[in-house]
Protein backbone atom coordinates (compact mmCIF):
# COMPACT_ATOMS: atom_id res chain seq x y z
CA MET A 1 21.62 124.61 -128.91
CA GLU A 2 17.93 123.67 -128.68
CA ILE A 3 15.80 123.01 -131.91
CA ASN A 4 12.26 121.64 -132.26
CA ILE A 5 11.86 118.10 -134.17
CA TYR A 6 9.47 115.89 -134.51
CA GLN A 7 9.20 112.50 -135.68
CA VAL A 8 6.61 111.70 -138.70
CA ASP A 9 4.86 108.35 -139.82
CA ALA A 10 4.87 108.99 -143.74
CA PHE A 11 2.70 107.40 -146.21
CA SER A 12 0.07 106.40 -143.71
CA SER A 13 -2.93 108.09 -141.36
CA LYS A 14 -2.67 106.03 -138.46
CA PRO A 15 0.83 105.79 -136.06
CA PHE A 16 3.09 102.99 -136.53
CA GLY A 17 2.27 102.57 -140.00
CA GLY A 18 4.32 104.00 -142.80
CA ASN A 19 8.06 105.14 -142.91
CA PRO A 20 8.88 107.17 -140.59
CA ALA A 21 11.09 110.18 -141.20
CA GLY A 22 13.18 112.90 -138.92
CA VAL A 23 11.73 116.56 -139.42
CA VAL A 24 13.47 119.60 -138.09
CA PRO A 25 11.16 122.64 -139.34
CA ASP A 26 13.94 125.35 -139.15
CA ALA A 27 17.59 124.23 -139.33
CA GLY A 28 18.67 127.63 -139.91
CA GLU A 29 21.47 127.71 -137.04
CA LEU A 30 22.79 124.46 -138.05
CA SER A 31 25.90 123.18 -140.21
CA GLU A 32 26.44 120.29 -142.07
CA LYS A 33 27.90 118.31 -139.04
CA ASP A 34 24.70 119.04 -136.94
CA MET A 35 22.50 117.53 -139.41
CA GLN A 36 24.86 114.37 -140.07
CA ASN A 37 25.06 113.99 -136.09
CA ILE A 38 21.23 114.64 -135.79
CA ALA A 39 20.08 111.88 -138.36
CA MET A 40 22.55 109.42 -136.67
CA GLU A 41 21.11 110.18 -133.31
CA MET A 42 17.55 109.85 -134.78
CA ASN A 43 18.85 106.61 -136.38
CA LEU A 44 16.24 107.02 -138.77
CA SER A 45 15.78 106.19 -142.97
CA GLU A 46 16.28 110.25 -143.61
CA THR A 47 15.71 112.94 -141.27
CA ALA A 48 14.66 116.29 -143.56
CA PHE A 49 16.09 119.48 -142.45
CA VAL A 50 14.26 122.52 -143.60
CA PHE A 51 15.43 126.28 -144.30
CA PRO A 52 11.91 128.21 -144.93
CA ILE A 53 13.34 131.21 -147.49
CA ASP A 54 9.72 132.41 -147.47
CA LYS A 55 5.84 131.37 -147.06
CA ASN A 56 6.03 129.52 -150.18
CA ASN A 57 9.09 128.23 -150.44
CA TYR A 58 11.30 126.09 -148.79
CA LYS A 59 14.98 124.84 -148.89
CA VAL A 60 15.28 121.13 -147.76
CA ARG A 61 18.40 118.98 -146.93
CA PHE A 62 17.99 115.21 -146.17
CA PHE A 63 20.18 112.37 -144.46
CA THR A 64 20.47 109.06 -143.80
CA PRO A 65 22.30 107.92 -140.61
CA VAL A 66 25.28 107.79 -142.34
CA GLN A 67 25.64 110.32 -145.52
CA GLU A 68 23.90 113.44 -147.30
CA VAL A 69 21.33 111.96 -150.22
CA ASP A 70 19.76 114.38 -152.99
CA LEU A 71 16.10 114.00 -152.42
CA CYS A 72 13.71 111.87 -149.93
CA GLY A 73 10.01 110.68 -150.68
CA HIS A 74 9.07 109.73 -147.73
CA ALA A 75 10.68 112.67 -145.56
CA THR A 76 9.10 115.45 -147.87
CA ILE A 77 5.57 114.25 -147.20
CA GLY A 78 6.48 114.32 -143.39
CA SER A 79 8.00 117.59 -143.79
CA PHE A 80 5.03 119.19 -145.59
CA TYR A 81 2.60 117.40 -143.19
CA THR A 82 4.06 118.99 -140.32
CA LEU A 83 5.01 122.29 -141.96
CA ALA A 84 1.27 122.81 -142.26
CA TYR A 85 -0.02 120.67 -139.35
CA LYS A 86 1.90 122.85 -136.67
CA GLY A 87 1.65 126.26 -138.40
CA TYR A 88 5.28 127.10 -139.86
CA LEU A 89 3.43 127.54 -142.91
CA PRO A 90 -0.11 129.38 -143.80
CA SER A 91 -2.62 126.79 -144.18
CA ILE A 92 -6.35 126.84 -146.18
CA TYR A 93 -9.76 125.42 -145.40
CA LYS A 94 -10.53 123.59 -147.97
CA GLY A 95 -8.72 123.00 -151.78
CA VAL A 96 -5.08 122.47 -152.84
CA LYS A 97 -2.17 124.84 -151.41
CA LYS A 98 0.93 124.82 -153.38
CA VAL A 99 4.60 125.37 -152.47
CA TYR A 100 7.96 124.74 -153.68
CA GLN A 101 11.11 122.70 -152.12
CA GLU A 102 14.15 123.75 -153.30
CA THR A 103 16.70 120.42 -153.14
CA LYS A 104 19.63 118.70 -154.74
CA VAL A 105 17.65 117.85 -157.71
CA GLY A 106 16.33 121.07 -158.46
CA LYS A 107 12.90 123.24 -157.66
CA LEU A 108 9.85 120.94 -157.20
CA ALA A 109 6.38 121.36 -156.55
CA VAL A 110 4.39 120.32 -153.30
CA GLU A 111 1.10 120.22 -152.79
CA ILE A 112 -1.29 119.75 -149.58
CA PHE A 113 -4.82 119.07 -150.18
CA PHE A 114 -6.72 120.01 -147.21
CA ASN A 115 -10.68 119.40 -146.68
CA ASN A 116 -12.42 121.17 -143.80
CA GLY A 117 -9.29 122.39 -142.12
CA LYS A 118 -7.74 119.02 -142.13
CA ILE A 119 -4.68 117.79 -144.09
CA GLU A 120 -5.60 114.37 -146.43
CA ARG A 121 -2.70 114.17 -147.99
CA VAL A 122 0.32 115.57 -149.45
CA MET A 123 1.60 115.30 -152.91
CA MET A 124 5.30 115.74 -154.25
CA GLU A 125 6.57 116.14 -157.49
CA GLN A 126 9.70 114.42 -158.75
CA ALA A 127 12.65 115.44 -160.39
CA PRO A 128 11.70 114.49 -164.13
CA PRO A 129 12.54 110.46 -164.89
CA LYS A 130 15.47 109.52 -166.42
CA ASP A 131 15.55 105.93 -168.25
CA LEU A 132 19.56 104.54 -167.09
CA GLY A 133 19.24 101.42 -169.23
CA LYS A 134 18.31 98.11 -168.46
CA ILE A 135 20.45 95.42 -166.52
CA GLU A 136 21.53 92.88 -169.20
CA ASP A 137 24.08 90.68 -167.02
CA ILE A 138 21.61 90.06 -163.72
CA GLU A 139 23.39 86.90 -162.34
CA LEU A 140 25.00 89.24 -159.49
CA LEU A 141 21.72 90.86 -158.71
CA LEU A 142 20.03 87.44 -158.82
CA ASP A 143 22.58 86.07 -156.38
CA CYS A 144 21.52 89.21 -153.74
CA PHE A 145 18.52 88.09 -153.51
CA HIS A 146 19.06 84.33 -153.94
CA LEU A 147 16.45 84.49 -156.96
CA GLU A 148 16.44 82.66 -160.22
CA LYS A 149 15.84 83.64 -163.88
CA LYS A 150 12.58 82.15 -163.70
CA ASP A 151 11.41 84.34 -161.18
CA ILE A 152 11.69 87.53 -162.80
CA GLY A 153 9.34 89.54 -164.80
CA ILE A 154 5.50 90.17 -164.71
CA GLU A 155 2.98 87.68 -165.37
CA ASP A 156 4.53 84.83 -166.86
CA ASN A 157 6.99 87.23 -169.45
CA PHE A 158 10.49 88.13 -168.20
CA VAL A 159 11.16 91.63 -167.74
CA PHE A 160 14.78 93.03 -167.72
CA PRO A 161 15.26 94.98 -164.25
CA LYS A 162 16.14 98.82 -165.12
CA ILE A 163 17.76 101.68 -163.38
CA ILE A 164 15.35 104.62 -163.01
CA SER A 165 15.48 107.61 -161.37
CA THR A 166 13.38 110.64 -160.38
CA GLY A 167 16.01 112.16 -158.55
CA LEU A 168 17.39 108.88 -156.78
CA PRO A 169 18.74 106.07 -158.99
CA ASP A 170 17.20 102.63 -158.32
CA ILE A 171 16.91 99.20 -159.70
CA MET A 172 13.57 98.31 -160.46
CA LEU A 173 13.30 94.55 -160.23
CA PRO A 174 9.89 93.01 -161.66
CA ILE A 175 8.99 89.48 -159.72
CA LYS A 176 6.07 87.53 -161.06
CA SER A 177 5.01 86.27 -157.20
CA LYS A 178 3.73 88.31 -154.36
CA ASP A 179 5.10 85.06 -152.61
CA THR A 180 8.07 85.21 -153.90
CA LEU A 181 8.66 89.38 -153.08
CA ASN A 182 7.22 88.48 -149.64
CA ASN A 183 9.93 85.66 -148.72
CA LEU A 184 13.04 86.99 -150.10
CA LYS A 185 16.48 86.02 -148.45
CA VAL A 186 18.77 89.35 -148.96
CA ASP A 187 22.18 89.19 -148.60
CA PHE A 188 22.70 93.17 -147.79
CA ARG A 189 26.39 92.87 -148.36
CA LYS A 190 26.50 91.39 -151.52
CA LEU A 191 23.87 94.21 -152.38
CA ALA A 192 25.20 97.18 -151.06
CA ASP A 193 28.73 95.78 -153.57
CA VAL A 194 26.66 95.54 -156.91
CA SER A 195 24.71 98.75 -155.68
CA LYS A 196 27.91 100.93 -155.27
CA LYS A 197 29.25 99.02 -158.84
CA LEU A 198 26.24 100.09 -160.41
CA ASN A 199 25.77 103.91 -159.33
CA VAL A 200 22.42 103.14 -157.98
CA SER A 201 20.86 104.25 -154.25
CA GLY A 202 19.26 100.51 -154.31
CA VAL A 203 16.80 97.98 -155.25
CA HIS A 204 13.15 98.48 -155.67
CA ALA A 205 11.63 94.99 -156.23
CA PHE A 206 8.21 95.18 -156.86
CA CYS A 207 5.31 92.37 -158.19
CA LEU A 208 2.58 93.71 -160.40
CA PRO A 209 -0.53 91.16 -160.16
CA LYS A 210 -1.63 91.36 -163.97
CA ILE A 211 -1.00 94.24 -166.52
CA ASN A 212 -2.71 97.32 -166.01
CA SER A 213 -3.61 96.82 -162.50
CA ASP A 214 -4.17 99.86 -160.47
CA LYS A 215 -2.21 98.70 -157.24
CA VAL A 216 1.14 97.06 -157.28
CA PHE A 217 3.23 95.13 -154.01
CA THR A 218 7.16 96.60 -153.41
CA ARG A 219 9.94 96.73 -151.11
CA ASN A 220 12.56 98.74 -151.44
CA PHE A 221 16.26 98.04 -150.62
CA ALA A 222 19.16 100.36 -149.98
CA PRO A 223 22.14 98.84 -147.73
CA LEU A 224 24.63 100.90 -149.45
CA VAL A 225 23.20 103.91 -147.82
CA GLY A 226 22.29 102.68 -144.55
CA ILE A 227 18.87 101.38 -144.93
CA ASN A 228 18.62 97.75 -145.27
CA GLU A 229 14.82 97.86 -146.11
CA GLU A 230 12.28 100.82 -145.34
CA ALA A 231 8.32 100.94 -144.94
CA ALA A 232 7.79 103.23 -148.03
CA THR A 233 9.87 104.82 -150.88
CA GLY A 234 8.90 107.94 -152.75
CA THR A 235 11.71 108.17 -155.14
CA ALA A 236 11.46 104.89 -156.15
CA ASN A 237 7.75 104.45 -156.18
CA GLY A 238 8.02 108.06 -158.56
CA ALA A 239 10.36 105.96 -160.81
CA LEU A 240 8.19 102.60 -160.44
CA ILE A 241 5.25 104.47 -161.89
CA TYR A 242 7.22 105.79 -165.01
CA PHE A 243 8.60 102.43 -165.78
CA LEU A 244 5.47 100.83 -165.99
CA ARG A 245 3.86 103.65 -167.79
CA LYS A 246 6.64 103.64 -169.89
CA GLU A 247 6.95 99.97 -170.83
CA GLY A 248 3.48 99.91 -171.63
CA TYR A 249 2.59 97.65 -168.38
CA ILE A 250 -0.06 99.61 -167.11
CA ASP A 251 -2.40 102.58 -169.63
CA ARG A 252 -3.57 104.65 -166.31
CA ASN A 253 -2.17 107.83 -165.00
CA GLU A 254 -2.30 106.22 -161.18
CA ILE A 255 -1.66 103.69 -159.11
CA ILE A 256 -1.11 102.60 -155.73
CA SER A 257 2.09 101.00 -154.02
CA MET A 258 1.36 98.97 -151.31
CA GLN A 259 4.83 98.50 -149.32
CA GLY A 260 6.11 98.17 -145.76
CA GLU A 261 3.65 94.83 -145.29
CA VAL A 262 6.54 92.57 -144.59
CA LEU A 263 7.85 95.19 -141.83
CA ASN A 264 4.61 95.22 -140.38
CA ARG A 265 4.41 98.95 -141.64
CA PRO A 266 1.70 98.81 -144.07
CA SER A 267 2.26 101.98 -146.35
CA ASN A 268 0.15 103.26 -149.28
CA ILE A 269 1.69 105.54 -151.62
CA TYR A 270 -0.32 107.23 -154.27
CA CYS A 271 1.59 107.73 -157.47
CA ARG A 272 0.70 109.73 -160.51
CA ILE A 273 2.48 110.20 -163.95
CA ASP A 274 1.17 112.71 -166.59
CA GLU A 275 2.90 113.32 -170.28
CA ASN A 276 2.60 116.24 -172.39
CA LYS A 277 4.74 115.81 -175.78
CA GLY A 278 6.97 112.90 -174.59
CA GLU A 279 7.42 114.56 -171.37
CA TYR A 280 6.75 113.12 -168.54
CA THR A 281 5.67 114.44 -164.45
CA VAL A 282 5.62 112.14 -161.45
CA LYS A 283 4.08 112.96 -158.46
CA ILE A 284 3.48 110.67 -155.28
CA GLY A 285 2.14 111.31 -152.10
CA GLY A 286 0.13 110.23 -149.18
CA GLY A 287 -0.77 110.90 -145.70
CA ALA A 288 1.08 111.09 -142.65
CA ARG A 289 1.05 111.41 -138.85
CA ILE A 290 2.98 113.12 -136.39
CA VAL A 291 4.01 110.33 -133.67
CA LEU A 292 6.44 112.24 -131.81
CA GLU A 293 7.38 115.95 -131.19
CA GLY A 294 10.52 117.63 -128.83
CA ILE A 295 13.22 119.57 -128.19
CA MET A 296 16.78 118.39 -128.99
CA CYS A 297 19.36 119.61 -126.76
CA PHE A 298 23.19 119.26 -128.07
């Protein structure tokens, strides 16, 4: 069998930035075993497999090298950038084209922004945000990162970590200092054990420079699903803007997450949240760039 496959740097308009994802734009003939083997062969944090339904609807499945996951932000951005750039879906000259992806967390909108025939960015709707509770006993979590309680919080205030999901449950871990965030010493084995115990995908550590900042610095760790650290994380940043807005740390609708600096793969993740009668809609997005394309034979 032969399939077309791409490697795409998502959340960056330049090659060698952002978070790389594998994209198979037409996976109609692949079995689940095939998809897992391809994801393992690509050895990227996620590979997306697209099953076109019609010109406006696409089923998408996401695999890490070790297992399937329900949703992946950067692989979604990479997938729909590739579909539009390579002509798998109809493009427009200027404006926003809205299509839908069917995932294991539901049917979600994807918006592709065009300007003069070029793709400026892709924005994806996430699953409705869920607050799954704060972590009262933080000692095990602190031990994973060699942190002390005084390191945790926003500005000078202690803030309890919380588990938030916009498709995948992640721990939002506020860290007061950007230097502390940049120099974390992570015990990945312990973190995998804690993640399994708390039934989360991983930990999204962040530093908000000040209340109502227009940017936030982030790092994401998910060793339980085979990703020690990744350069850009869509679902976790969607969860983060909900956390910041709901807890009153920002009153704006948009924020940019700066991720990947420590990995030398700088990423800009655009996050947006809207509220209507207490219901929140979260979108994340950014640019992308195809860096590799070819045919996989097996």
